[in-house]
Amino acid sequence: MKERILQTADKLFYLQGIRAIGVDTIAAEIGISKRTLYNHFPSKDALIAAYLERRFVTQRPSDKPPAEQILATFDSLERRFAATDFRGCPFVNAVAELGPAARAVKKIAIAFKESRRVWFRERLNELGITDADELATQLVLLVDGSIAQDLVRDDPAMARAAKEAAKVLLRNAGVDVGVDSAKSAAKPDQHSPQQ
């Protein structure tokens, strides 16, 4: 039952907003009483915290090269942006909705954002980047910026633009990220006659 409550809260909070959804709505959606819900979650605040903790999934490194893992983050974002149920970062949404008074929510959101930054930093350390901490912060800003741009524009290409910016940052840090297809396509063929 606890998992059913969490699944329902997750869906409703994420798609419709935390303030817009009361425990009455969640209980009705499941077909239980408010009392049953409160047996599992003593307050709406406790349910909100559990919802965010459930969404707190740490990114894991793979066997792929670190630079490829970093850039794949933006590919993953593009796929997520294309989904019809994408409504932004649940942690940013929660902080924006509930404001500074919701300290527990802000604490979870900060921990999540920091875990993403640390993941980038670890990949950058694997690449031997001198100032991995600063570059990790810049990459996180690209992620969050692309999310905000997608929400405003409803354009998954914002993740692609952020990926290109990430490539520039990585190149500037000395990382080989391969040939930039956009630049190579823009260069005139040396063997073709000049116009």
N, C-alpha and C. Protein backbone atom coordinates (compact mmCIF):
# COMPACT_ATOMS: atom_id res chain seq x y z
N MET A 1 0.83 -1.20 0.00
CA MET A 1 0.00 0.00 0.00
C MET A 1 0.87 1.26 0.00
N LYS A 2 1.95 1.23 0.78
CA LYS A 2 2.84 2.38 0.84
C LYS A 2 3.39 2.71 -0.55
N GLU A 3 3.77 1.67 -1.28
CA GLU A 3 4.30 1.88 -2.63
C GLU A 3 3.22 2.42 -3.57
N ARG A 4 2.01 1.93 -3.44
CA ARG A 4 0.91 2.45 -4.28
C ARG A 4 0.66 3.92 -4.00
N ILE A 5 0.71 4.30 -2.73
CA ILE A 5 0.53 5.71 -2.36
C ILE A 5 1.64 6.54 -2.98
N LEU A 6 2.87 6.06 -2.87
CA LEU A 6 4.01 6.79 -3.42
C LEU A 6 3.93 6.91 -4.93
N GLN A 7 3.56 5.83 -5.60
CA GLN A 7 3.43 5.88 -7.06
C GLN A 7 2.38 6.90 -7.49
N THR A 8 1.28 6.91 -6.81
CA THR A 8 0.20 7.84 -7.14
C THR A 8 0.62 9.27 -6.84
N ALA A 9 1.21 9.48 -5.67
CA ALA A 9 1.68 10.82 -5.30
C ALA A 9 2.72 11.30 -6.31
N ASP A 10 3.61 10.42 -6.71
CA ASP A 10 4.66 10.76 -7.66
C ASP A 10 4.04 11.29 -8.96
N LYS A 11 3.11 10.53 -9.48
CA LYS A 11 2.47 10.90 -10.75
C LYS A 11 1.73 12.23 -10.62
N LEU A 12 0.93 12.36 -9.58
CA LEU A 12 0.12 13.56 -9.42
C LEU A 12 0.94 14.79 -9.06
N PHE A 13 1.87 14.64 -8.13
CA PHE A 13 2.73 15.77 -7.75
C PHE A 13 3.53 16.26 -8.95
N TYR A 14 4.10 15.32 -9.69
CA TYR A 14 4.97 15.71 -10.80
C TYR A 14 4.19 16.37 -11.94
N LEU A 15 3.06 15.78 -12.31
CA LEU A 15 2.32 16.29 -13.46
C LEU A 15 1.43 17.49 -13.16
N GLN A 16 0.90 17.54 -11.92
CA GLN A 16 -0.06 18.61 -11.61
C GLN A 16 0.45 19.62 -10.59
N GLY A 17 1.50 19.28 -9.88
CA GLY A 17 2.05 20.20 -8.89
C GLY A 17 1.74 19.76 -7.47
N ILE A 18 2.68 20.03 -6.59
CA ILE A 18 2.55 19.61 -5.19
C ILE A 18 1.44 20.39 -4.48
N ARG A 19 1.38 21.68 -4.71
CA ARG A 19 0.34 22.49 -4.04
C ARG A 19 -1.05 22.17 -4.57
N ALA A 20 -1.13 21.81 -5.84
CA ALA A 20 -2.44 21.56 -6.46
C ALA A 20 -3.05 20.25 -6.00
N ILE A 21 -2.23 19.35 -5.51
CA ILE A 21 -2.72 18.01 -5.14
C ILE A 21 -2.72 17.85 -3.62
N GLY A 22 -3.89 17.59 -3.09
CA GLY A 22 -4.02 17.33 -1.66
C GLY A 22 -4.04 15.83 -1.38
N VAL A 23 -3.92 15.49 -0.12
CA VAL A 23 -3.95 14.06 0.25
C VAL A 23 -5.31 13.45 -0.08
N ASP A 24 -6.37 14.27 -0.06
CA ASP A 24 -7.71 13.77 -0.43
C ASP A 24 -7.69 13.22 -1.86
N THR A 25 -7.07 13.97 -2.75
CA THR A 25 -7.00 13.57 -4.17
C THR A 25 -6.22 12.28 -4.32
N ILE A 26 -5.10 12.18 -3.62
CA ILE A 26 -4.26 10.98 -3.71
C ILE A 26 -5.03 9.77 -3.18
N ALA A 27 -5.66 9.93 -2.02
CA ALA A 27 -6.44 8.83 -1.42
C ALA A 27 -7.57 8.41 -2.35
N ALA A 28 -8.28 9.37 -2.92
CA ALA A 28 -9.40 9.07 -3.83
C ALA A 28 -8.91 8.34 -5.08
N GLU A 29 -7.78 8.78 -5.60
CA GLU A 29 -7.22 8.15 -6.80
C GLU A 29 -6.93 6.67 -6.56
N ILE A 30 -6.45 6.35 -5.35
CA ILE A 30 -6.11 4.96 -5.01
C ILE A 30 -7.35 4.18 -4.57
N GLY A 31 -8.32 4.91 -4.01
CA GLY A 31 -9.51 4.25 -3.49
C GLY A 31 -9.35 3.85 -2.03
N ILE A 32 -8.63 4.69 -1.28
CA ILE A 32 -8.43 4.44 0.16
C ILE A 32 -8.91 5.66 0.93
N SER A 33 -8.99 5.51 2.24
CA SER A 33 -9.36 6.65 3.08
C SER A 33 -8.11 7.49 3.38
N LYS A 34 -8.36 8.74 3.77
CA LYS A 34 -7.24 9.59 4.19
C LYS A 34 -6.54 8.97 5.40
N ARG A 35 -7.30 8.35 6.24
CA ARG A 35 -6.74 7.74 7.45
C ARG A 35 -5.72 6.66 7.07
N THR A 36 -6.06 5.84 6.05
CA THR A 36 -5.13 4.80 5.58
C THR A 36 -3.86 5.45 5.06
N LEU A 37 -4.02 6.52 4.30
CA LEU A 37 -2.86 7.23 3.78
C LEU A 37 -2.00 7.74 4.94
N TYR A 38 -2.65 8.35 5.93
CA TYR A 38 -1.91 8.90 7.07
C TYR A 38 -1.28 7.81 7.94
N ASN A 39 -1.78 6.59 7.86
CA ASN A 39 -1.12 5.48 8.57
C ASN A 39 0.27 5.21 8.00
N HIS A 40 0.43 5.50 6.71
CA HIS A 40 1.72 5.27 6.04
C HIS A 40 2.58 6.53 5.99
N PHE A 41 1.94 7.68 5.88
CA PHE A 41 2.64 8.97 5.83
C PHE A 41 1.91 9.91 6.77
N PRO A 42 2.52 10.26 7.90
CA PRO A 42 1.81 11.03 8.93
C PRO A 42 1.39 12.44 8.52
N SER A 43 1.96 12.95 7.43
CA SER A 43 1.60 14.31 6.98
C SER A 43 1.87 14.43 5.48
N LYS A 44 1.32 15.48 4.88
CA LYS A 44 1.61 15.74 3.48
C LYS A 44 3.10 16.03 3.31
N ASP A 45 3.70 16.73 4.25
CA ASP A 45 5.14 17.01 4.19
C ASP A 45 5.96 15.73 4.14
N ALA A 46 5.55 14.74 4.94
CA ALA A 46 6.26 13.45 4.94
C ALA A 46 6.10 12.76 3.58
N LEU A 47 4.93 12.89 2.99
CA LEU A 47 4.67 12.30 1.68
C LEU A 47 5.49 13.01 0.60
N ILE A 48 5.59 14.33 0.69
CA ILE A 48 6.39 15.10 -0.27
C ILE A 48 7.86 14.68 -0.18
N ALA A 49 8.36 14.57 1.04
CA ALA A 49 9.76 14.16 1.24
C ALA A 49 9.99 12.76 0.66
N ALA A 50 9.06 11.85 0.89
CA ALA A 50 9.19 10.48 0.37
C ALA A 50 9.14 10.48 -1.16
N TYR A 51 8.29 11.31 -1.74
CA TYR A 51 8.20 11.45 -3.20
C TYR A 51 9.54 11.89 -3.77
N LEU A 52 10.14 12.91 -3.17
CA LEU A 52 11.43 13.40 -3.68
C LEU A 52 12.55 12.38 -3.46
N GLU A 53 12.54 11.72 -2.32
CA GLU A 53 13.56 10.69 -2.05
C GLU A 53 13.43 9.54 -3.05
N ARG A 54 12.22 9.23 -3.43
CA ARG A 54 11.98 8.18 -4.43
C ARG A 54 12.54 8.58 -5.79
N ARG A 55 12.50 9.87 -6.10
CA ARG A 55 13.01 10.40 -7.36
C ARG A 55 14.53 10.59 -7.34
N PHE A 56 15.13 10.50 -6.17
CA PHE A 56 16.56 10.73 -6.00
C PHE A 56 17.32 9.47 -6.44
N VAL A 57 17.58 9.39 -7.73
CA VAL A 57 18.29 8.25 -8.30
C VAL A 57 19.69 8.74 -8.67
N THR A 58 20.69 8.07 -8.14
CA THR A 58 22.06 8.50 -8.45
C THR A 58 22.51 7.90 -9.77
N GLN A 59 23.18 8.73 -10.52
CA GLN A 59 23.71 8.32 -11.81
C GLN A 59 24.94 7.46 -11.55
N ARG A 60 25.04 6.38 -12.27
CA ARG A 60 26.18 5.48 -12.07
C ARG A 60 27.10 5.52 -13.27
N PRO A 61 28.40 5.40 -12.99
CA PRO A 61 29.34 5.34 -14.12
C PRO A 61 29.16 4.02 -14.87
N SER A 62 29.56 4.04 -16.11
CA SER A 62 29.48 2.82 -16.91
C SER A 62 30.88 2.46 -17.39
N ASP A 63 30.96 1.48 -18.27
CA ASP A 63 32.25 1.08 -18.83
C ASP A 63 32.68 2.00 -19.96
N LYS A 64 31.81 2.90 -20.38
CA LYS A 64 32.14 3.81 -21.48
C LYS A 64 33.18 4.82 -21.01
N PRO A 65 33.93 5.39 -21.94
CA PRO A 65 34.90 6.42 -21.57
C PRO A 65 34.20 7.60 -20.86
N PRO A 66 34.88 8.24 -19.91
CA PRO A 66 34.25 9.31 -19.13
C PRO A 66 33.64 10.43 -19.97
N ALA A 67 34.34 10.89 -21.01
CA ALA A 67 33.80 11.98 -21.84
C ALA A 67 32.50 11.53 -22.52
N GLU A 68 32.46 10.30 -22.95
CA GLU A 68 31.26 9.75 -23.59
C GLU A 68 30.10 9.69 -22.60
N GLN A 69 30.40 9.31 -21.36
CA GLN A 69 29.37 9.28 -20.32
C GLN A 69 28.81 10.67 -20.06
N ILE A 70 29.71 11.66 -19.99
CA ILE A 70 29.28 13.04 -19.75
C ILE A 70 28.35 13.51 -20.87
N LEU A 71 28.75 13.30 -22.11
CA LEU A 71 27.95 13.76 -23.25
C LEU A 71 26.65 12.97 -23.39
N ALA A 72 26.68 11.70 -22.97
CA ALA A 72 25.46 10.88 -23.03
C ALA A 72 24.37 11.43 -22.10
N THR A 73 24.78 12.16 -21.08
CA THR A 73 23.81 12.80 -20.19
C THR A 73 22.86 13.68 -20.98
N PHE A 74 23.40 14.40 -21.95
CA PHE A 74 22.59 15.33 -22.75
C PHE A 74 21.71 14.58 -23.75
N ASP A 75 22.20 13.42 -24.23
CA ASP A 75 21.36 12.58 -25.10
C ASP A 75 20.16 12.06 -24.32
N SER A 76 20.43 11.66 -23.08
CA SER A 76 19.37 11.17 -22.21
C SER A 76 18.34 12.27 -21.94
N LEU A 77 18.84 13.49 -21.72
CA LEU A 77 17.93 14.62 -21.50
C LEU A 77 17.05 14.86 -22.73
N GLU A 78 17.65 14.78 -23.91
CA GLU A 78 16.88 15.01 -25.13
C GLU A 78 15.73 14.01 -25.25
N ARG A 79 16.02 12.75 -24.93
CA ARG A 79 14.96 11.73 -24.97
C ARG A 79 13.87 12.06 -23.95
N ARG A 80 14.29 12.48 -22.76
CA ARG A 80 13.33 12.80 -21.70
C ARG A 80 12.48 14.02 -22.10
N PHE A 81 13.13 15.02 -22.70
CA PHE A 81 12.41 16.22 -23.13
C PHE A 81 11.32 15.88 -24.15
N ALA A 82 11.57 14.88 -24.97
CA ALA A 82 10.62 14.50 -26.02
C ALA A 82 9.40 13.77 -25.45
N ALA A 83 9.48 13.31 -24.22
CA ALA A 83 8.36 12.58 -23.61
C ALA A 83 7.21 13.54 -23.32
N THR A 84 6.00 13.08 -23.53
CA THR A 84 4.84 13.94 -23.32
C THR A 84 4.60 14.27 -21.85
N ASP A 85 5.16 13.47 -20.95
CA ASP A 85 4.93 13.72 -19.52
C ASP A 85 6.09 14.47 -18.85
N PHE A 86 7.00 15.06 -19.65
CA PHE A 86 8.12 15.78 -19.05
C PHE A 86 7.65 17.14 -18.55
N ARG A 87 7.93 17.41 -17.28
CA ARG A 87 7.53 18.67 -16.65
C ARG A 87 8.67 19.30 -15.87
N GLY A 88 9.88 19.02 -16.29
CA GLY A 88 11.03 19.63 -15.65
C GLY A 88 11.60 18.80 -14.52
N CYS A 89 12.49 19.41 -13.78
CA CYS A 89 13.15 18.75 -12.65
C CYS A 89 12.21 18.76 -11.45
N PRO A 90 11.88 17.60 -10.91
CA PRO A 90 10.95 17.57 -9.78
C PRO A 90 11.49 18.28 -8.55
N PHE A 91 12.82 18.34 -8.41
CA PHE A 91 13.42 18.98 -7.25
C PHE A 91 13.32 20.50 -7.37
N VAL A 92 13.62 21.03 -8.54
CA VAL A 92 13.48 22.46 -8.78
C VAL A 92 12.01 22.85 -8.66
N ASN A 93 11.13 22.04 -9.24
CA ASN A 93 9.70 22.32 -9.16
C ASN A 93 9.23 22.40 -7.71
N ALA A 94 9.69 21.47 -6.89
CA ALA A 94 9.26 21.42 -5.48
C ALA A 94 9.75 22.66 -4.73
N VAL A 95 11.01 23.03 -4.94
CA VAL A 95 11.55 24.22 -4.26
C VAL A 95 10.80 25.47 -4.74
N ALA A 96 10.55 25.56 -6.05
CA ALA A 96 9.85 26.73 -6.59
C ALA A 96 8.42 26.82 -6.05
N GLU A 97 7.76 25.69 -5.94
CA GLU A 97 6.38 25.68 -5.46
C GLU A 97 6.26 25.96 -3.98
N LEU A 98 7.13 25.34 -3.20
CA LEU A 98 6.97 25.38 -1.75
C LEU A 98 7.75 26.50 -1.07
N GLY A 99 8.72 27.06 -1.77
CA GLY A 99 9.45 28.22 -1.24
C GLY A 99 10.47 27.88 -0.18
N PRO A 100 11.12 28.91 0.33
CA PRO A 100 12.23 28.72 1.28
C PRO A 100 11.82 28.15 2.63
N ALA A 101 10.55 28.25 2.96
CA ALA A 101 10.11 27.72 4.25
C ALA A 101 10.15 26.19 4.30
N ALA A 102 10.11 25.56 3.14
CA ALA A 102 10.14 24.09 3.08
C ALA A 102 11.59 23.61 3.13
N ARG A 103 12.18 23.68 4.29
CA ARG A 103 13.61 23.39 4.45
C ARG A 103 13.96 21.94 4.12
N ALA A 104 13.09 21.01 4.50
CA ALA A 104 13.37 19.59 4.22
C ALA A 104 13.41 19.35 2.72
N VAL A 105 12.49 19.98 1.99
CA VAL A 105 12.44 19.84 0.53
C VAL A 105 13.71 20.43 -0.08
N LYS A 106 14.08 21.62 0.38
CA LYS A 106 15.28 22.27 -0.14
C LYS A 106 16.53 21.43 0.13
N LYS A 107 16.59 20.82 1.29
CA LYS A 107 17.73 19.98 1.66
C LYS A 107 17.85 18.78 0.71
N ILE A 108 16.73 18.15 0.40
CA ILE A 108 16.74 17.01 -0.53
C ILE A 108 17.14 17.49 -1.93
N ALA A 109 16.60 18.64 -2.35
CA ALA A 109 16.91 19.18 -3.68
C ALA A 109 18.39 19.51 -3.81
N ILE A 110 18.96 20.13 -2.78
CA ILE A 110 20.39 20.46 -2.79
C ILE A 110 21.22 19.18 -2.87
N ALA A 111 20.83 18.18 -2.09
CA ALA A 111 21.57 16.91 -2.10
C ALA A 111 21.52 16.26 -3.48
N PHE A 112 20.35 16.31 -4.13
CA PHE A 112 20.24 15.73 -5.46
C PHE A 112 21.13 16.47 -6.45
N LYS A 113 21.02 17.80 -6.47
CA LYS A 113 21.82 18.59 -7.41
C LYS A 113 23.31 18.40 -7.16
N GLU A 114 23.69 18.31 -5.90
CA GLU A 114 25.11 18.10 -5.59
C GLU A 114 25.56 16.71 -6.04
N SER A 115 24.69 15.71 -5.94
CA SER A 115 25.08 14.37 -6.38
C SER A 115 25.34 14.35 -7.89
N ARG A 116 24.57 15.12 -8.65
CA ARG A 116 24.79 15.23 -10.09
C ARG A 116 26.13 15.91 -10.38
N ARG A 117 26.41 16.99 -9.63
CA ARG A 117 27.66 17.72 -9.82
C ARG A 117 28.86 16.84 -9.47
N VAL A 118 28.74 16.09 -8.39
CA VAL A 118 29.82 15.18 -7.98
C VAL A 118 30.03 14.10 -9.02
N TRP A 119 28.94 13.60 -9.61
CA TRP A 119 29.07 12.58 -10.67
C TRP A 119 29.88 13.14 -11.84
N PHE A 120 29.56 14.36 -12.27
CA PHE A 120 30.34 14.99 -13.34
C PHE A 120 31.80 15.15 -12.90
N ARG A 121 32.02 15.61 -11.68
CA ARG A 121 33.38 15.83 -11.19
C ARG A 121 34.19 14.53 -11.19
N GLU A 122 33.56 13.43 -10.80
CA GLU A 122 34.25 12.14 -10.80
C GLU A 122 34.66 11.73 -12.21
N ARG A 123 33.77 11.93 -13.18
CA ARG A 123 34.13 11.61 -14.57
C ARG A 123 35.27 12.53 -15.04
N LEU A 124 35.21 13.80 -14.67
CA LEU A 124 36.26 14.75 -15.06
C LEU A 124 37.59 14.40 -14.40
N ASN A 125 37.55 13.95 -13.16
CA ASN A 125 38.77 13.50 -12.48
C ASN A 125 39.37 12.31 -13.21
N GLU A 126 38.51 11.41 -13.70
CA GLU A 126 38.99 10.26 -14.47
C GLU A 126 39.71 10.72 -15.74
N LEU A 127 39.30 11.88 -16.26
CA LEU A 127 39.93 12.43 -17.46
C LEU A 127 41.19 13.24 -17.13
N GLY A 128 41.46 13.43 -15.83
CA GLY A 128 42.64 14.18 -15.42
C GLY A 128 42.49 15.69 -15.55
N ILE A 129 41.27 16.19 -15.49
CA ILE A 129 41.02 17.62 -15.61
C ILE A 129 41.53 18.32 -14.35
N THR A 130 42.25 19.42 -14.54
CA THR A 130 42.84 20.15 -13.42
C THR A 130 41.79 20.73 -12.49
N ASP A 131 40.86 21.50 -13.03
CA ASP A 131 39.84 22.11 -12.19
C ASP A 131 38.49 21.42 -12.43
N ALA A 132 38.45 20.16 -12.06
CA ALA A 132 37.25 19.35 -12.29
C ALA A 132 36.04 19.89 -11.55
N ASP A 133 36.25 20.47 -10.39
CA ASP A 133 35.14 20.96 -9.58
C ASP A 133 34.40 22.10 -10.30
N GLU A 134 35.15 23.06 -10.81
CA GLU A 134 34.53 24.19 -11.51
C GLU A 134 33.85 23.74 -12.80
N LEU A 135 34.50 22.88 -13.55
CA LEU A 135 33.92 22.40 -14.80
C LEU A 135 32.65 21.57 -14.53
N ALA A 136 32.65 20.81 -13.45
CA ALA A 136 31.46 20.04 -13.08
C ALA A 136 30.29 20.97 -12.81
N THR A 137 30.56 22.08 -12.14
CA THR A 137 29.51 23.07 -11.87
C THR A 137 28.98 23.64 -13.18
N GLN A 138 29.87 23.93 -14.12
CA GLN A 138 29.45 24.47 -15.41
C GLN A 138 28.58 23.46 -16.18
N LEU A 139 28.94 22.19 -16.11
CA LEU A 139 28.14 21.17 -16.80
C LEU A 139 26.75 21.04 -16.19
N VAL A 140 26.68 21.13 -14.87
CA VAL A 140 25.37 21.07 -14.20
C VAL A 140 24.52 22.27 -14.61
N LEU A 141 25.16 23.42 -14.76
CA LEU A 141 24.42 24.60 -15.21
C LEU A 141 23.87 24.39 -16.63
N LEU A 142 24.63 23.72 -17.48
CA LEU A 142 24.14 23.40 -18.82
C LEU A 142 22.92 22.47 -18.76
N VAL A 143 22.99 21.48 -17.87
CA VAL A 143 21.86 20.56 -17.71
C VAL A 143 20.62 21.33 -17.26
N ASP A 144 20.77 22.11 -16.18
CA ASP A 144 19.61 22.83 -15.65
C ASP A 144 19.10 23.88 -16.63
N GLY A 145 20.02 24.54 -17.33
CA GLY A 145 19.61 25.53 -18.32
C GLY A 145 18.84 24.91 -19.47
N SER A 146 19.28 23.74 -19.90
CA SER A 146 18.57 23.08 -21.01
C SER A 146 17.17 22.63 -20.57
N ILE A 147 17.05 22.22 -19.32
CA ILE A 147 15.74 21.83 -18.79
C ILE A 147 14.81 23.03 -18.80
N ALA A 148 15.31 24.17 -18.31
CA ALA A 148 14.49 25.38 -18.27
C ALA A 148 14.10 25.82 -19.68
N GLN A 149 15.05 25.77 -20.61
CA GLN A 149 14.75 26.17 -21.99
C GLN A 149 13.73 25.24 -22.64
N ASP A 150 13.86 23.94 -22.37
CA ASP A 150 12.88 23.00 -22.94
C ASP A 150 11.48 23.28 -22.39
N LEU A 151 11.40 23.57 -21.10
CA LEU A 151 10.09 23.84 -20.51
C LEU A 151 9.43 25.07 -21.14
N VAL A 152 10.23 26.08 -21.41
CA VAL A 152 9.69 27.31 -22.00
C VAL A 152 9.38 27.11 -23.48
N ARG A 153 10.29 26.47 -24.20
CA ARG A 153 10.17 26.36 -25.65
C ARG A 153 9.50 25.07 -26.13
N ASP A 154 9.45 24.06 -25.26
CA ASP A 154 8.96 22.74 -25.65
C ASP A 154 9.74 22.24 -26.86
N ASP A 155 11.08 22.25 -26.71
CA ASP A 155 11.97 21.92 -27.81
C ASP A 155 13.12 21.03 -27.31
N PRO A 156 13.03 19.72 -27.57
CA PRO A 156 14.08 18.81 -27.12
C PRO A 156 15.47 19.15 -27.65
N ALA A 157 15.54 19.96 -28.71
CA ALA A 157 16.84 20.35 -29.27
C ALA A 157 17.65 21.18 -28.28
N MET A 158 17.03 21.68 -27.23
CA MET A 158 17.76 22.44 -26.22
C MET A 158 18.82 21.56 -25.56
N ALA A 159 18.55 20.26 -25.45
CA ALA A 159 19.55 19.33 -24.89
C ALA A 159 20.73 19.19 -25.84
N ARG A 160 20.45 19.19 -27.15
CA ARG A 160 21.51 19.11 -28.15
C ARG A 160 22.40 20.35 -28.10
N ALA A 161 21.78 21.51 -27.94
CA ALA A 161 22.54 22.76 -27.84
C ALA A 161 23.42 22.74 -26.59
N ALA A 162 22.88 22.23 -25.49
CA ALA A 162 23.66 22.13 -24.26
C ALA A 162 24.82 21.14 -24.44
N LYS A 163 24.57 20.06 -25.18
CA LYS A 163 25.63 19.08 -25.44
C LYS A 163 26.76 19.72 -26.23
N GLU A 164 26.42 20.53 -27.22
CA GLU A 164 27.46 21.22 -28.01
C GLU A 164 28.26 22.17 -27.12
N ALA A 165 27.58 22.86 -26.22
CA ALA A 165 28.28 23.75 -25.28
C ALA A 165 29.18 22.93 -24.34
N ALA A 166 28.71 21.76 -23.93
CA ALA A 166 29.52 20.88 -23.08
C ALA A 166 30.78 20.44 -23.82
N LYS A 167 30.64 20.15 -25.11
CA LYS A 167 31.81 19.77 -25.92
C LYS A 167 32.84 20.89 -25.93
N VAL A 168 32.38 22.13 -26.07
CA VAL A 168 33.30 23.27 -26.07
C VAL A 168 34.04 23.35 -24.74
N LEU A 169 33.29 23.21 -23.65
CA LEU A 169 33.92 23.25 -22.32
C LEU A 169 34.95 22.13 -22.16
N LEU A 170 34.59 20.94 -22.61
CA LEU A 170 35.50 19.81 -22.50
C LEU A 170 36.74 20.01 -23.37
N ARG A 171 36.55 20.48 -24.59
CA ARG A 171 37.68 20.76 -25.48
C ARG A 171 38.62 21.80 -24.86
N ASN A 172 38.03 22.86 -24.29
CA ASN A 172 38.83 23.90 -23.66
C ASN A 172 39.62 23.38 -22.47
N ALA A 173 39.13 22.30 -21.88
CA ALA A 173 39.83 21.67 -20.76
C ALA A 173 40.84 20.62 -21.24
N GLY A 174 40.95 20.46 -22.57
CA GLY A 174 41.93 19.53 -23.13
C GLY A 174 41.42 18.14 -23.41
N VAL A 175 40.10 17.94 -23.39
CA VAL A 175 39.52 16.62 -23.63
C VAL A 175 39.22 16.46 -25.12
N ASP A 176 39.61 15.32 -25.68
CA ASP A 176 39.30 15.01 -27.07
C ASP A 176 37.87 14.49 -27.13
N VAL A 177 36.98 15.26 -27.74
CA VAL A 177 35.58 14.85 -27.87
C VAL A 177 35.22 14.56 -29.32
N GLY A 178 36.23 14.34 -30.15
CA GLY A 178 35.98 13.99 -31.54
C GLY A 178 35.75 15.20 -32.41
N VAL A 179 35.45 14.93 -33.65
CA VAL A 179 35.24 16.00 -34.63
C VAL A 179 33.87 16.62 -34.41
N ASP A 180 33.81 17.92 -34.44
CA ASP A 180 32.54 18.64 -34.33
C ASP A 180 31.89 18.63 -35.71
N SER A 181 30.85 17.83 -35.87
CA SER A 181 30.21 17.66 -37.18
C SER A 181 29.67 18.98 -37.72
N ALA A 182 29.19 19.85 -36.85
CA ALA A 182 28.64 21.13 -37.32
C ALA A 182 29.74 22.00 -37.92
N LYS A 183 30.92 22.02 -37.27
CA LYS A 183 32.02 22.83 -37.79
C LYS A 183 32.61 22.24 -39.06
N SER A 184 32.75 20.91 -39.07
CA SER A 184 33.36 20.30 -40.26
C SER A 184 32.44 20.43 -41.47
N ALA A 185 31.14 20.44 -41.24
CA ALA A 185 30.20 20.61 -42.36
C ALA A 185 30.24 22.05 -42.87
N ALA A 186 30.58 22.98 -41.98
CA ALA A 186 30.60 24.39 -42.38
C ALA A 186 31.88 24.77 -43.11
N LYS A 187 32.96 23.98 -42.95
CA LYS A 187 34.21 24.29 -43.63
C LYS A 187 34.11 23.97 -45.12
N PRO A 188 34.57 24.88 -45.98
CA PRO A 188 34.52 24.59 -47.42
C PRO A 188 35.52 23.50 -47.77
N ASP A 189 35.16 22.71 -48.73
CA ASP A 189 36.05 21.64 -49.21
C ASP A 189 37.25 22.30 -49.89
N GLN A 190 38.45 21.91 -49.48
CA GLN A 190 39.67 22.55 -50.01
C GLN A 190 39.87 22.26 -51.48
N HIS A 191 39.31 21.19 -51.99
CA HIS A 191 39.52 20.83 -53.38
C HIS A 191 38.46 21.39 -54.31
N SER A 192 37.42 22.00 -53.75
CA SER A 192 36.37 22.54 -54.61
C SER A 192 36.73 23.96 -55.04
N PRO A 193 36.31 24.36 -56.20
CA PRO A 193 36.63 25.70 -56.67
C PRO A 193 35.97 26.75 -55.79
N GLN A 194 36.65 27.88 -55.60
CA GLN A 194 36.11 28.99 -54.81
C GLN A 194 34.98 29.66 -55.57
N GLN A 195 33.97 30.04 -54.88
CA GLN A 195 32.81 30.70 -55.51
C GLN A 195 33.09 32.16 -55.71
